[in-house]
Amino acid sequence: MTRRNISDAISNISNRHIEEAADFQIGKKGVRKHFIMRRAVAAAATIMLVFTMSVPALAAADYEPAYNLLYKVSPTIAQKLKPVRMSCEDNGIKFEVISAYVEGSEAKIFISAQDIDGDKIDETTDLFDSYSINTPFDCSSSCENISYDTKTKTATFLISISQWNEQDIIGEKITFRVREMLSNKQEYDMVLSDLDMNNISTAPETVTPTHIFGGSGTNYSEVENNFRALKATGILYSPVEGVDITAMGYVDGDLHIQVRYENVLKTDNHGYIYFQNNEGEKITCNANVEFSTDSEYQERYVEYIYDLSDIELAEYDAYGYFVTSDTLITGNWSVTFPLEMVSP
């Protein structure tokens, strides 16, 4: 596609739609969700988008996969598209705002990340909670990886923004920034066959954490205030690279299993441990607590807590679900653009 073709395709955009990247001081961090986006869900998410890009420009401007997906889902929506295409580039990766749609207090933003000179981006790439959305209004936001094109080495993300006071945000400008991305993520769901469940201490040594980062579970609020962590006893079992089980024991009648996720600030390694019997019945933890035991907060652990008072544990096998990554991509990507209503 020639420079003139591109210019002609976007000639209907007024100058006020193209702004230089602004430098805001306050960012609103997005809400992270750990899950694998299935193709059907990706298609459903795409239905919600009303892009500002024309069909010929979309198909001709290296977005044919996105166009094909949209047209299969909703030809009516696809026919309304007009180009936006605001981008920035750093460390061999190009970030581009493909389109944005706003209705009242909510906005949907379609963003792509393309690996120009390497193979750092893949279908598992996520923004590692390093993205920020700087706005002149208070908001919540989320980011989902909805597709990956192997030919162009491009991952596409759906950004959703909601203004807290439910006021119209049409015409506001926002800045989307990214500092880090993770790729080459591996997912495991496996039997922990080498984990010895027969010799668990009933009087393990415990320590007071230097810091509790948070946790979850039905009993987390009860556990948090008086939580004492198991003292790490070394590596009891390493089910996958980057995941170590470092302690087990019964505390006040509940089973505690402690896991260290290696270099979690750069890998986002995470997961959980559960038990399952031959009938497929599962036991999950009542609470999990993420904490540190050193003053620098570098030694981070997650302790999973189980109420097994009515359970015959010998009838169950231990399982682990883990997600690991070994490719951290750093850079400084920033794009500022307006939220405009699409004309009918």
C-alpha atoms as a PDB file:
ATOM      1  CA  MET A   1       0.000   0.000   0.000  1.00  0.00           C
ATOM      2  CA  THR A   2       1.483   3.358  -1.042  1.00  0.00           C
ATOM      3  CA  ARG A   3       1.814   6.446   1.094  1.00  0.00           C
ATOM      4  CA  ARG A   4      -0.747   8.143  -1.156  1.00  0.00           C
ATOM      5  CA  ASN A   5      -3.230   5.288  -0.661  1.00  0.00           C
ATOM      6  CA  ILE A   6      -2.899   5.604   3.081  1.00  0.00           C
ATOM      7  CA  SER A   7      -3.294   9.364   2.905  1.00  0.00           C
ATOM      8  CA  ASP A   8      -6.429   9.031   0.775  1.00  0.00           C
ATOM      9  CA  ALA A   9      -7.877   6.410   3.132  1.00  0.00           C
ATOM     10  CA  ILE A  10      -7.627   8.699   6.134  1.00  0.00           C
ATOM     11  CA  SER A  11      -8.295  12.010   4.460  1.00  0.00           C
ATOM     12  CA  ASN A  12     -11.726  12.273   6.085  1.00  0.00           C
ATOM     13  CA  ILE A  13     -10.213  12.634   9.548  1.00  0.00           C
ATOM     14  CA  SER A  14     -10.106  16.179  10.847  1.00  0.00           C
ATOM     15  CA  ASN A  15      -6.891  17.536  12.317  1.00  0.00           C
ATOM     16  CA  ARG A  16      -8.400  17.732  15.772  1.00  0.00           C
ATOM     17  CA  HIS A  17      -8.515  13.926  15.832  1.00  0.00           C
ATOM     18  CA  ILE A  18      -4.722  13.711  15.695  1.00  0.00           C
ATOM     19  CA  GLU A  19      -2.868  14.961  18.744  1.00  0.00           C
ATOM     20  CA  GLU A  20       0.740  14.662  19.810  1.00  0.00           C
ATOM     21  CA  ALA A  21       1.280  12.337  22.784  1.00  0.00           C
ATOM     22  CA  ALA A  22       0.675  14.331  25.973  1.00  0.00           C
ATOM     23  CA  ASP A  23       2.472  13.778  29.241  1.00  0.00           C
ATOM     24  CA  PHE A  24       0.002  13.209  32.093  1.00  0.00           C
ATOM     25  CA  GLN A  25       1.271  12.677  35.632  1.00  0.00           C
ATOM     26  CA  ILE A  26      -1.529  10.575  37.049  1.00  0.00           C
ATOM     27  CA  GLY A  27      -2.415   7.162  35.580  1.00  0.00           C
ATOM     28  CA  LYS A  28      -5.297   4.882  36.303  1.00  0.00           C
ATOM     29  CA  LYS A  29      -4.072   1.343  36.349  1.00  0.00           C
ATOM     30  CA  GLY A  30      -6.211  -1.296  34.689  1.00  0.00           C
ATOM     31  CA  VAL A  31      -7.811  -4.240  36.399  1.00  0.00           C
ATOM     32  CA  ARG A  32      -5.989  -7.409  35.654  1.00  0.00           C
ATOM     33  CA  LYS A  33      -7.647 -10.738  34.916  1.00  0.00           C
ATOM     34  CA  HIS A  34      -5.798 -14.032  34.584  1.00  0.00           C
ATOM     35  CA  PHE A  35      -7.586 -16.157  32.054  1.00  0.00           C
ATOM     36  CA  ILE A  36      -7.294 -17.602  28.570  1.00  0.00           C
ATOM     37  CA  MET A  37      -9.571 -15.778  26.108  1.00  0.00           C
ATOM     38  CA  ARG A  38     -11.308 -18.296  23.905  1.00  0.00           C
ATOM     39  CA  ARG A  39     -12.029 -17.479  20.279  1.00  0.00           C
ATOM     40  CA  ALA A  40     -15.776 -17.432  20.877  1.00  0.00           C
ATOM     41  CA  VAL A  41     -15.387 -14.887  23.668  1.00  0.00           C
ATOM     42  CA  ALA A  42     -13.085 -12.823  21.477  1.00  0.00           C
ATOM     43  CA  ALA A  43     -15.750 -12.713  18.803  1.00  0.00           C
ATOM     44  CA  ALA A  44     -18.388 -11.712  21.327  1.00  0.00           C
ATOM     45  CA  ALA A  45     -16.164  -8.918  22.598  1.00  0.00           C
ATOM     46  CA  THR A  46     -15.658  -7.682  19.071  1.00  0.00           C
ATOM     47  CA  ILE A  47     -19.428  -7.397  18.555  1.00  0.00           C
ATOM     48  CA  MET A  48     -19.465  -4.604  21.145  1.00  0.00           C
ATOM     49  CA  LEU A  49     -17.073  -2.461  19.130  1.00  0.00           C
ATOM     50  CA  VAL A  50     -18.207   0.233  16.726  1.00  0.00           C
ATOM     51  CA  PHE A  51     -14.942   1.217  15.044  1.00  0.00           C
ATOM     52  CA  THR A  52     -14.079   4.451  13.259  1.00  0.00           C
ATOM     53  CA  MET A  53     -12.573   2.811  10.181  1.00  0.00           C
ATOM     54  CA  SER A  54     -13.896   2.205   6.659  1.00  0.00           C
ATOM     55  CA  VAL A  55     -14.092  -1.332   5.251  1.00  0.00           C
ATOM     56  CA  PRO A  56     -11.759  -0.686   2.270  1.00  0.00           C
ATOM     57  CA  ALA A  57      -9.178   1.035   4.489  1.00  0.00           C
ATOM     58  CA  LEU A  58      -9.391  -1.709   7.100  1.00  0.00           C
ATOM     59  CA  ALA A  59      -8.864  -4.497   4.588  1.00  0.00           C
ATOM     60  CA  ALA A  60      -6.133  -2.682   2.678  1.00  0.00           C
ATOM     61  CA  ALA A  61      -4.214  -1.333   5.648  1.00  0.00           C
ATOM     62  CA  ASP A  62      -2.849  -4.651   6.922  1.00  0.00           C
ATOM     63  CA  TYR A  63      -5.935  -5.355   9.054  1.00  0.00           C
ATOM     64  CA  GLU A  64      -7.518  -8.027   6.875  1.00  0.00           C
ATOM     65  CA  PRO A  65      -7.707 -10.625   9.718  1.00  0.00           C
ATOM     66  CA  ALA A  66      -9.490  -8.141  11.971  1.00  0.00           C
ATOM     67  CA  TYR A  67     -11.808  -7.148   9.121  1.00  0.00           C
ATOM     68  CA  ASN A  68     -12.663 -10.785   8.321  1.00  0.00           C
ATOM     69  CA  LEU A  69     -13.500 -11.485  11.969  1.00  0.00           C
ATOM     70  CA  LEU A  70     -15.686  -8.392  12.218  1.00  0.00           C
ATOM     71  CA  TYR A  71     -17.505  -9.073   8.965  1.00  0.00           C
ATOM     72  CA  LYS A  72     -18.355 -12.639   9.992  1.00  0.00           C
ATOM     73  CA  VAL A  73     -19.700 -11.439  13.324  1.00  0.00           C
ATOM     74  CA  SER A  74     -21.617  -8.381  12.117  1.00  0.00           C
ATOM     75  CA  PRO A  75     -21.540  -7.047   8.527  1.00  0.00           C
ATOM     76  CA  THR A  76     -23.599  -4.057   9.673  1.00  0.00           C
ATOM     77  CA  ILE A  77     -20.957  -2.955  12.160  1.00  0.00           C
ATOM     78  CA  ALA A  78     -18.149  -3.645   9.697  1.00  0.00           C
ATOM     79  CA  GLN A  79     -19.708  -1.353   7.110  1.00  0.00           C
ATOM     80  CA  LYS A  80     -19.586   1.619   9.522  1.00  0.00           C
ATOM     81  CA  LEU A  81     -15.826   1.572  10.036  1.00  0.00           C
ATOM     82  CA  LYS A  82     -13.596   4.620   9.409  1.00  0.00           C
ATOM     83  CA  PRO A  83      -9.798   4.909   9.988  1.00  0.00           C
ATOM     84  CA  VAL A  84      -8.068   6.309  13.109  1.00  0.00           C
ATOM     85  CA  ARG A  85      -4.507   4.840  13.102  1.00  0.00           C
ATOM     86  CA  MET A  86      -2.495   6.680  15.741  1.00  0.00           C
ATOM     87  CA  SER A  87       0.690   4.871  16.727  1.00  0.00           C
ATOM     88  CA  CYS A  88       4.093   4.919  18.390  1.00  0.00           C
ATOM     89  CA  GLU A  89       7.155   2.686  18.147  1.00  0.00           C
ATOM     90  CA  ASP A  90       9.880   1.564  20.557  1.00  0.00           C
ATOM     91  CA  ASN A  91      12.219  -1.418  20.939  1.00  0.00           C
ATOM     92  CA  GLY A  92      11.099  -2.891  17.623  1.00  0.00           C
ATOM     93  CA  ILE A  93       7.431  -2.980  18.590  1.00  0.00           C
ATOM     94  CA  LYS A  94       4.714  -0.755  17.163  1.00  0.00           C
ATOM     95  CA  PHE A  95       1.635   0.096  19.240  1.00  0.00           C
ATOM     96  CA  GLU A  96      -1.343   1.417  17.308  1.00  0.00           C
ATOM     97  CA  VAL A  97      -4.768   2.689  18.309  1.00  0.00           C
ATOM     98  CA  ILE A  98      -6.878   1.111  15.588  1.00  0.00           C
ATOM     99  CA  SER A  99     -10.215   2.493  16.751  1.00  0.00           C
ATOM    100  CA  ALA A 100     -12.203   3.825  19.659  1.00  0.00           C
ATOM    101  CA  TYR A 101     -15.904   4.026  20.340  1.00  0.00           C
ATOM    102  CA  VAL A 102     -17.605   5.872  23.173  1.00  0.00           C
ATOM    103  CA  GLU A 103     -21.188   5.759  24.375  1.00  0.00           C
ATOM    104  CA  GLY A 104     -22.090   7.795  27.426  1.00  0.00           C
ATOM    105  CA  SER A 105     -19.724   6.896  30.282  1.00  0.00           C
ATOM    106  CA  GLU A 106     -18.140   3.838  28.637  1.00  0.00           C
ATOM    107  CA  ALA A 107     -15.504   3.489  25.922  1.00  0.00           C
ATOM    108  CA  LYS A 108     -14.115   0.559  23.947  1.00  0.00           C
ATOM    109  CA  ILE A 109     -10.639   0.907  22.453  1.00  0.00           C
ATOM    110  CA  PHE A 110      -9.091  -1.482  19.943  1.00  0.00           C
ATOM    111  CA  ILE A 111      -5.259  -1.501  20.142  1.00  0.00           C
ATOM    112  CA  SER A 112      -2.623  -3.576  18.351  1.00  0.00           C
ATOM    113  CA  ALA A 113       0.995  -4.431  19.170  1.00  0.00           C
ATOM    114  CA  GLN A 114       3.141  -5.531  16.220  1.00  0.00           C
ATOM    115  CA  ASP A 115       6.622  -7.051  16.425  1.00  0.00           C
ATOM    116  CA  ILE A 116       8.462  -5.338  13.585  1.00  0.00           C
ATOM    117  CA  ASP A 117      11.928  -6.896  13.766  1.00  0.00           C
ATOM    118  CA  GLY A 118      11.723 -10.070  15.872  1.00  0.00           C
ATOM    119  CA  ASP A 119       9.608 -12.826  17.407  1.00  0.00           C
ATOM    120  CA  LYS A 120       8.961 -11.414  20.854  1.00  0.00           C
ATOM    121  CA  ILE A 121       5.161 -11.205  20.534  1.00  0.00           C
ATOM    122  CA  ASP A 122       2.948 -14.293  20.344  1.00  0.00           C
ATOM    123  CA  GLU A 123      -0.608 -15.421  21.056  1.00  0.00           C
ATOM    124  CA  THR A 124       0.070 -15.409  24.825  1.00  0.00           C
ATOM    125  CA  THR A 125       1.303 -11.801  25.020  1.00  0.00           C
ATOM    126  CA  ASP A 126      -0.242  -9.638  27.719  1.00  0.00           C
ATOM    127  CA  LEU A 127       0.506  -6.192  29.063  1.00  0.00           C
ATOM    128  CA  PHE A 128       1.577  -7.444  32.505  1.00  0.00           C
ATOM    129  CA  ASP A 129      -0.404  -4.810  34.438  1.00  0.00           C
ATOM    130  CA  SER A 130       2.190  -2.291  33.230  1.00  0.00           C
ATOM    131  CA  TYR A 131      -0.228  -0.344  31.097  1.00  0.00           C
ATOM    132  CA  SER A 132      -1.763   2.858  32.347  1.00  0.00           C
ATOM    133  CA  ILE A 133      -4.661   4.902  31.082  1.00  0.00           C
ATOM    134  CA  ASN A 134      -4.290   8.599  31.879  1.00  0.00           C
ATOM    135  CA  THR A 135      -7.580  10.461  31.764  1.00  0.00           C
ATOM    136  CA  PRO A 136      -8.988  13.773  33.047  1.00  0.00           C
ATOM    137  CA  PHE A 137     -11.682  11.758  34.841  1.00  0.00           C
ATOM    138  CA  ASP A 138     -11.750   8.930  37.403  1.00  0.00           C
ATOM    139  CA  CYS A 139     -12.340   5.558  35.801  1.00  0.00           C
ATOM    140  CA  SER A 140     -11.859   1.820  35.940  1.00  0.00           C
ATOM    141  CA  SER A 141     -10.432  -0.130  33.041  1.00  0.00           C
ATOM    142  CA  SER A 142      -9.591  -3.606  31.823  1.00  0.00           C
ATOM    143  CA  CYS A 143      -7.468  -5.063  29.029  1.00  0.00           C
ATOM    144  CA  GLU A 144      -7.994  -8.330  27.133  1.00  0.00           C
ATOM    145  CA  ASN A 145      -5.894 -10.014  24.448  1.00  0.00           C
ATOM    146  CA  ILE A 146      -8.520 -10.958  21.881  1.00  0.00           C
ATOM    147  CA  SER A 147      -6.490 -12.188  18.891  1.00  0.00           C
ATOM    148  CA  TYR A 148      -3.062 -12.818  17.390  1.00  0.00           C
ATOM    149  CA  ASP A 149      -2.092 -12.834  13.708  1.00  0.00           C
ATOM    150  CA  THR A 150       0.923 -15.055  13.014  1.00  0.00           C
ATOM    151  CA  LYS A 151       1.588 -13.572   9.557  1.00  0.00           C
ATOM    152  CA  THR A 152       1.975  -9.990  10.733  1.00  0.00           C
ATOM    153  CA  LYS A 153       3.094 -10.923  14.280  1.00  0.00           C
ATOM    154  CA  THR A 154       0.402  -8.662  15.686  1.00  0.00           C
ATOM    155  CA  ALA A 155      -1.552  -9.051  18.922  1.00  0.00           C
ATOM    156  CA  THR A 156      -4.813  -7.142  19.340  1.00  0.00           C
ATOM    157  CA  PHE A 157      -6.215  -5.937  22.657  1.00  0.00           C
ATOM    158  CA  LEU A 158      -9.614  -4.681  23.740  1.00  0.00           C
ATOM    159  CA  ILE A 159      -9.474  -1.871  26.314  1.00  0.00           C
ATOM    160  CA  SER A 160     -12.686  -1.126  28.209  1.00  0.00           C
ATOM    161  CA  ILE A 161     -13.089   2.081  30.232  1.00  0.00           C
ATOM    162  CA  SER A 162     -15.927   3.088  32.563  1.00  0.00           C
ATOM    163  CA  GLN A 163     -16.231   6.549  34.103  1.00  0.00           C
ATOM    164  CA  TRP A 164     -16.999   6.132  37.817  1.00  0.00           C
ATOM    165  CA  ASN A 165     -19.691   8.830  38.011  1.00  0.00           C
ATOM    166  CA  GLU A 166     -21.372   7.615  34.812  1.00  0.00           C
ATOM    167  CA  GLN A 167     -20.959  11.008  33.163  1.00  0.00           C
ATOM    168  CA  ASP A 168     -20.459  11.395  29.425  1.00  0.00           C
ATOM    169  CA  ILE A 169     -16.811  11.169  28.361  1.00  0.00           C
ATOM    170  CA  ILE A 170     -17.363  11.996  24.685  1.00  0.00           C
ATOM    171  CA  GLY A 171     -14.694  14.409  23.447  1.00  0.00           C
ATOM    172  CA  GLU A 172     -12.237  13.715  26.274  1.00  0.00           C
ATOM    173  CA  LYS A 173      -8.621  12.849  25.463  1.00  0.00           C
ATOM    174  CA  ILE A 174      -6.824   9.901  27.018  1.00  0.00           C
ATOM    175  CA  THR A 175      -3.243   8.669  26.949  1.00  0.00           C
ATOM    176  CA  PHE A 176      -2.549   4.942  26.743  1.00  0.00           C
ATOM    177  CA  ARG A 177       0.904   3.928  27.997  1.00  0.00           C
ATOM    178  CA  VAL A 178       2.731   0.596  28.203  1.00  0.00           C
ATOM    179  CA  ARG A 179       6.078  -0.117  29.863  1.00  0.00           C
ATOM    180  CA  GLU A 180       6.305  -3.926  29.816  1.00  0.00           C
ATOM    181  CA  MET A 181       4.812  -6.963  28.122  1.00  0.00           C
ATOM    182  CA  LEU A 182       5.059 -10.692  28.766  1.00  0.00           C
ATOM    183  CA  SER A 183       5.231 -13.405  26.111  1.00  0.00           C
ATOM    184  CA  ASN A 184       5.905 -17.113  25.767  1.00  0.00           C
ATOM    185  CA  LYS A 185       3.488 -17.967  28.545  1.00  0.00           C
ATOM    186  CA  GLN A 186       3.042 -21.651  29.352  1.00  0.00           C
ATOM    187  CA  GLU A 187      -0.048 -23.132  31.011  1.00  0.00           C
ATOM    188  CA  TYR A 188      -0.012 -26.332  33.063  1.00  0.00           C
ATOM    189  CA  ASP A 189      -2.745 -28.371  34.765  1.00  0.00           C
ATOM    190  CA  MET A 190      -1.085 -31.416  36.239  1.00  0.00           C
ATOM    191  CA  VAL A 191      -1.045 -34.089  38.926  1.00  0.00           C
ATOM    192  CA  LEU A 192       1.589 -33.324  41.579  1.00  0.00           C
ATOM    193  CA  SER A 193       2.678 -36.944  41.622  1.00  0.00           C
ATOM    194  CA  ASP A 194       5.937 -36.380  43.503  1.00  0.00           C
ATOM    195  CA  LEU A 195       4.442 -34.289  46.299  1.00  0.00           C
ATOM    196  CA  ASP A 196       4.565 -36.339  49.513  1.00  0.00           C
ATOM    197  CA  MET A 197       1.215 -35.895  51.263  1.00  0.00           C
ATOM    198  CA  ASN A 198       1.855 -38.647  53.837  1.00  0.00           C
ATOM    199  CA  ASN A 199       4.398 -36.896  56.056  1.00  0.00           C
ATOM    200  CA  ILE A 200       2.945 -33.470  56.679  1.00  0.00           C
ATOM    201  CA  SER A 201       3.977 -31.810  59.934  1.00  0.00           C
ATOM    202  CA  THR A 202       1.230 -31.133  62.481  1.00  0.00           C
ATOM    203  CA  ALA A 203       3.441 -28.646  64.341  1.00  0.00           C
ATOM    204  CA  PRO A 204       5.337 -26.692  61.679  1.00  0.00           C
ATOM    205  CA  GLU A 205       7.475 -23.671  62.492  1.00  0.00           C
ATOM    206  CA  THR A 206       5.824 -20.385  61.536  1.00  0.00           C
ATOM    207  CA  VAL A 207       7.010 -16.814  60.993  1.00  0.00           C
ATOM    208  CA  THR A 208       5.421 -13.375  60.844  1.00  0.00           C
ATOM    209  CA  PRO A 209       5.513 -11.971  57.282  1.00  0.00           C
ATOM    210  CA  THR A 210       7.224  -8.631  56.742  1.00  0.00           C
ATOM    211  CA  HIS A 211       4.429  -7.649  54.388  1.00  0.00           C
ATOM    212  CA  ILE A 212       1.125  -9.064  53.135  1.00  0.00           C
ATOM    213  CA  PHE A 213       0.359  -8.065  49.539  1.00  0.00           C
ATOM    214  CA  GLY A 214      -3.159  -9.438  49.501  1.00  0.00           C
ATOM    215  CA  GLY A 215      -5.084 -12.607  48.915  1.00  0.00           C
ATOM    216  CA  SER A 216      -8.485 -14.092  48.195  1.00  0.00           C
ATOM    217  CA  GLY A 217     -10.919 -16.812  49.174  1.00  0.00           C
ATOM    218  CA  THR A 218     -14.021 -17.164  51.319  1.00  0.00           C
ATOM    219  CA  ASN A 219     -12.009 -17.130  54.551  1.00  0.00           C
ATOM    220  CA  TYR A 220      -9.386 -14.556  53.575  1.00  0.00           C
ATOM    221  CA  SER A 221     -10.747 -11.791  55.828  1.00  0.00           C
ATOM    222  CA  GLU A 222     -10.565 -14.127  58.822  1.00  0.00           C
ATOM    223  CA  VAL A 223      -7.028 -15.254  58.011  1.00  0.00           C
ATOM    224  CA  GLU A 224      -5.438 -11.917  57.082  1.00  0.00           C
ATOM    225  CA  ASN A 225      -5.243 -10.187  60.466  1.00  0.00           C
ATOM    226  CA  ASN A 226      -3.606 -13.029  62.421  1.00  0.00           C
ATOM    227  CA  PHE A 227      -1.786 -14.754  59.586  1.00  0.00           C
ATOM    228  CA  ARG A 228       1.468 -16.531  60.370  1.00  0.00           C
ATOM    229  CA  ALA A 229       3.297 -18.093  57.449  1.00  0.00           C
ATOM    230  CA  LEU A 230       5.025 -21.426  57.374  1.00  0.00           C
ATOM    231  CA  LYS A 231       8.782 -21.147  57.612  1.00  0.00           C
ATOM    232  CA  ALA A 232      10.200 -22.146  54.222  1.00  0.00           C
ATOM    233  CA  THR A 233      12.014 -25.474  54.516  1.00  0.00           C
ATOM    234  CA  GLY A 234      13.685 -25.522  51.127  1.00  0.00           C
ATOM    235  CA  ILE A 235      12.313 -26.895  47.899  1.00  0.00           C
ATOM    236  CA  LEU A 236      10.008 -29.821  48.611  1.00  0.00           C
ATOM    237  CA  TYR A 237       8.917 -30.179  44.996  1.00  0.00           C
ATOM    238  CA  SER A 238       9.234 -28.188  41.761  1.00  0.00           C
ATOM    239  CA  PRO A 239       6.374 -29.200  39.455  1.00  0.00           C
ATOM    240  CA  VAL A 240       7.468 -26.839  36.642  1.00  0.00           C
ATOM    241  CA  GLU A 241      10.327 -24.411  36.129  1.00  0.00           C
ATOM    242  CA  GLY A 242       9.724 -21.234  38.104  1.00  0.00           C
ATOM    243  CA  VAL A 243       7.349 -22.837  40.636  1.00  0.00           C
ATOM    244  CA  ASP A 244       8.609 -24.293  43.943  1.00  0.00           C
ATOM    245  CA  ILE A 245       6.622 -25.802  46.821  1.00  0.00           C
ATOM    246  CA  THR A 246       8.616 -24.689  49.845  1.00  0.00           C
ATOM    247  CA  ALA A 247       6.619 -25.794  52.915  1.00  0.00           C
ATOM    248  CA  MET A 248       3.568 -27.778  54.080  1.00  0.00           C
ATOM    249  CA  GLY A 249       1.984 -28.188  57.476  1.00  0.00           C
ATOM    250  CA  TYR A 250      -1.193 -28.106  59.559  1.00  0.00           C
ATOM    251  CA  VAL A 251      -1.854 -24.853  61.423  1.00  0.00           C
ATOM    252  CA  ASP A 252      -4.874 -24.737  63.741  1.00  0.00           C
ATOM    253  CA  GLY A 253      -6.252 -27.792  61.972  1.00  0.00           C
ATOM    254  CA  ASP A 254      -6.014 -26.325  58.460  1.00  0.00           C
ATOM    255  CA  LEU A 255      -3.585 -27.560  55.823  1.00  0.00           C
ATOM    256  CA  HIS A 256      -1.164 -24.892  54.586  1.00  0.00           C
ATOM    257  CA  ILE A 257       0.804 -25.341  51.348  1.00  0.00           C
ATOM    258  CA  GLN A 258       3.391 -22.692  50.537  1.00  0.00           C
ATOM    259  CA  VAL A 259       4.519 -21.917  46.979  1.00  0.00           C
ATOM    260  CA  ARG A 260       7.259 -19.622  45.737  1.00  0.00           C
ATOM    261  CA  TYR A 261       6.789 -18.267  42.220  1.00  0.00           C
ATOM    262  CA  GLU A 262      10.246 -17.383  40.926  1.00  0.00           C
ATOM    263  CA  ASN A 263      10.992 -13.780  39.962  1.00  0.00           C
ATOM    264  CA  VAL A 264       7.284 -12.987  40.028  1.00  0.00           C
ATOM    265  CA  LEU A 265       7.773  -9.253  39.400  1.00  0.00           C
ATOM    266  CA  LYS A 266       9.255 -10.028  35.987  1.00  0.00           C
ATOM    267  CA  THR A 267       7.451 -13.250  35.061  1.00  0.00           C
ATOM    268  CA  ASP A 268       3.970 -12.957  36.607  1.00  0.00           C
ATOM    269  CA  ASN A 269       4.186 -16.670  37.388  1.00  0.00           C
ATOM    270  CA  HIS A 270       1.016 -17.675  39.234  1.00  0.00           C
ATOM    271  CA  GLY A 271      -1.381 -20.533  39.842  1.00  0.00           C
ATOM    272  CA  TYR A 272      -3.052 -22.600  42.559  1.00  0.00           C
ATOM    273  CA  ILE A 273      -3.146 -26.085  44.063  1.00  0.00           C
ATOM    274  CA  TYR A 274      -6.288 -28.187  44.399  1.00  0.00           C
ATOM    275  CA  PHE A 275      -7.294 -31.746  45.246  1.00  0.00           C
ATOM    276  CA  GLN A 276      -9.448 -34.088  43.160  1.00  0.00           C
ATOM    277  CA  ASN A 277     -10.791 -37.616  43.665  1.00  0.00           C
ATOM    278  CA  ASN A 278     -11.685 -40.316  41.143  1.00  0.00           C
ATOM    279  CA  GLU A 279     -15.238 -38.982  40.848  1.00  0.00           C
ATOM    280  CA  GLY A 280     -13.922 -35.607  39.728  1.00  0.00           C
ATOM    281  CA  GLU A 281     -14.854 -33.845  42.982  1.00  0.00           C
ATOM    282  CA  LYS A 282     -12.496 -30.958  43.693  1.00  0.00           C
ATOM    283  CA  ILE A 283     -11.301 -29.268  46.859  1.00  0.00           C
ATOM    284  CA  THR A 284      -9.923 -25.757  46.508  1.00  0.00           C
ATOM    285  CA  CYS A 285      -8.392 -23.535  49.155  1.00  0.00           C
ATOM    286  CA  ASN A 286     -10.561 -21.497  51.520  1.00  0.00           C
ATOM    287  CA  ALA A 287      -8.007 -18.691  51.423  1.00  0.00           C
ATOM    288  CA  ASN A 288      -4.691 -17.779  49.861  1.00  0.00           C
ATOM    289  CA  VAL A 289      -2.277 -15.149  51.117  1.00  0.00           C
ATOM    290  CA  GLU A 290       0.548 -13.525  49.153  1.00  0.00           C
ATOM    291  CA  PHE A 291       3.323 -12.252  51.397  1.00  0.00           C
ATOM    292  CA  SER A 292       7.005 -11.486  51.793  1.00  0.00           C
ATOM    293  CA  THR A 293       9.448 -12.536  54.495  1.00  0.00           C
ATOM    294  CA  ASP A 294      12.293 -10.080  53.836  1.00  0.00           C
ATOM    295  CA  SER A 295      12.605  -6.319  54.242  1.00  0.00           C
ATOM    296  CA  GLU A 296      13.187  -5.757  50.515  1.00  0.00           C
ATOM    297  CA  TYR A 297      10.022  -7.694  49.576  1.00  0.00           C
ATOM    298  CA  GLN A 298      11.999  -9.831  47.139  1.00  0.00           C
ATOM    299  CA  GLU A 299      11.199 -13.222  48.677  1.00  0.00           C
ATOM    300  CA  ARG A 300       7.523 -13.559  47.786  1.00  0.00           C
ATOM    301  CA  TYR A 301       5.336 -16.543  48.549  1.00  0.00           C
ATOM    302  CA  VAL A 302       1.710 -17.606  48.286  1.00  0.00           C
ATOM    303  CA  GLU A 303       0.258 -19.805  50.995  1.00  0.00           C
ATOM    304  CA  TYR A 304      -2.868 -21.833  50.218  1.00  0.00           C
ATOM    305  CA  ILE A 305      -5.073 -22.794  53.165  1.00  0.00           C
ATOM    306  CA  TYR A 306      -7.530 -25.725  53.162  1.00  0.00           C
ATOM    307  CA  ASP A 307     -10.209 -26.857  55.608  1.00  0.00           C
ATOM    308  CA  LEU A 308     -10.024 -30.660  55.354  1.00  0.00           C
ATOM    309  CA  SER A 309     -11.851 -31.454  58.597  1.00  0.00           C
ATOM    310  CA  ASP A 310     -14.505 -33.558  56.832  1.00  0.00           C
ATOM    311  CA  ILE A 311     -12.258 -34.892  54.076  1.00  0.00           C
ATOM    312  CA  GLU A 312     -10.391 -38.166  53.773  1.00  0.00           C
ATOM    313  CA  LEU A 313      -7.333 -36.752  52.015  1.00  0.00           C
ATOM    314  CA  ALA A 314      -6.030 -40.218  51.059  1.00  0.00           C
ATOM    315  CA  GLU A 315      -8.898 -40.468  48.571  1.00  0.00           C
ATOM    316  CA  TYR A 316      -7.686 -37.388  46.698  1.00  0.00           C
ATOM    317  CA  ASP A 317      -4.735 -36.535  44.477  1.00  0.00           C
ATOM    318  CA  ALA A 318      -3.003 -33.154  44.552  1.00  0.00           C
ATOM    319  CA  TYR A 319      -3.130 -31.116  41.355  1.00  0.00           C
ATOM    320  CA  GLY A 320      -1.496 -27.861  40.331  1.00  0.00           C
ATOM    321  CA  TYR A 321      -2.599 -25.248  37.821  1.00  0.00           C
ATOM    322  CA  PHE A 322       0.280 -22.919  36.899  1.00  0.00           C
ATOM    323  CA  VAL A 323       1.012 -20.207  34.345  1.00  0.00           C
ATOM    324  CA  THR A 324       4.638 -19.212  33.735  1.00  0.00           C
ATOM    325  CA  SER A 325       6.456 -16.858  31.377  1.00  0.00           C
ATOM    326  CA  ASP A 326      10.102 -16.302  30.466  1.00  0.00           C
ATOM    327  CA  THR A 327      10.008 -13.383  28.025  1.00  0.00           C
ATOM    328  CA  LEU A 328       9.789  -9.853  29.441  1.00  0.00           C
ATOM    329  CA  ILE A 329       9.633  -7.064  26.848  1.00  0.00           C
ATOM    330  CA  THR A 330      10.364  -3.527  28.010  1.00  0.00           C
ATOM    331  CA  GLY A 331       9.887  -0.200  26.291  1.00  0.00           C
ATOM    332  CA  ASN A 332       8.112   3.132  26.440  1.00  0.00           C
ATOM    333  CA  TRP A 333       4.972   3.260  24.332  1.00  0.00           C
ATOM    334  CA  SER A 334       2.512   6.143  24.595  1.00  0.00           C
ATOM    335  CA  VAL A 335      -0.394   7.273  22.400  1.00  0.00           C
ATOM    336  CA  THR A 336      -2.790  10.152  23.096  1.00  0.00           C
ATOM    337  CA  PHE A 337      -6.133  10.257  21.303  1.00  0.00           C
ATOM    338  CA  PRO A 338      -9.645  11.678  21.693  1.00  0.00           C
ATOM    339  CA  LEU A 339     -12.800   9.719  22.525  1.00  0.00           C
ATOM    340  CA  GLU A 340     -15.210  10.659  19.780  1.00  0.00           C
ATOM    341  CA  MET A 341     -18.779   9.569  19.118  1.00  0.00           C
ATOM    342  CA  VAL A 342     -19.243   7.846  15.770  1.00  0.00           C
ATOM    343  CA  SER A 343     -21.638   9.796  13.564  1.00  0.00           C
ATOM    344  CA  PRO A 344     -24.748   7.820  12.498  1.00  0.00           C
END
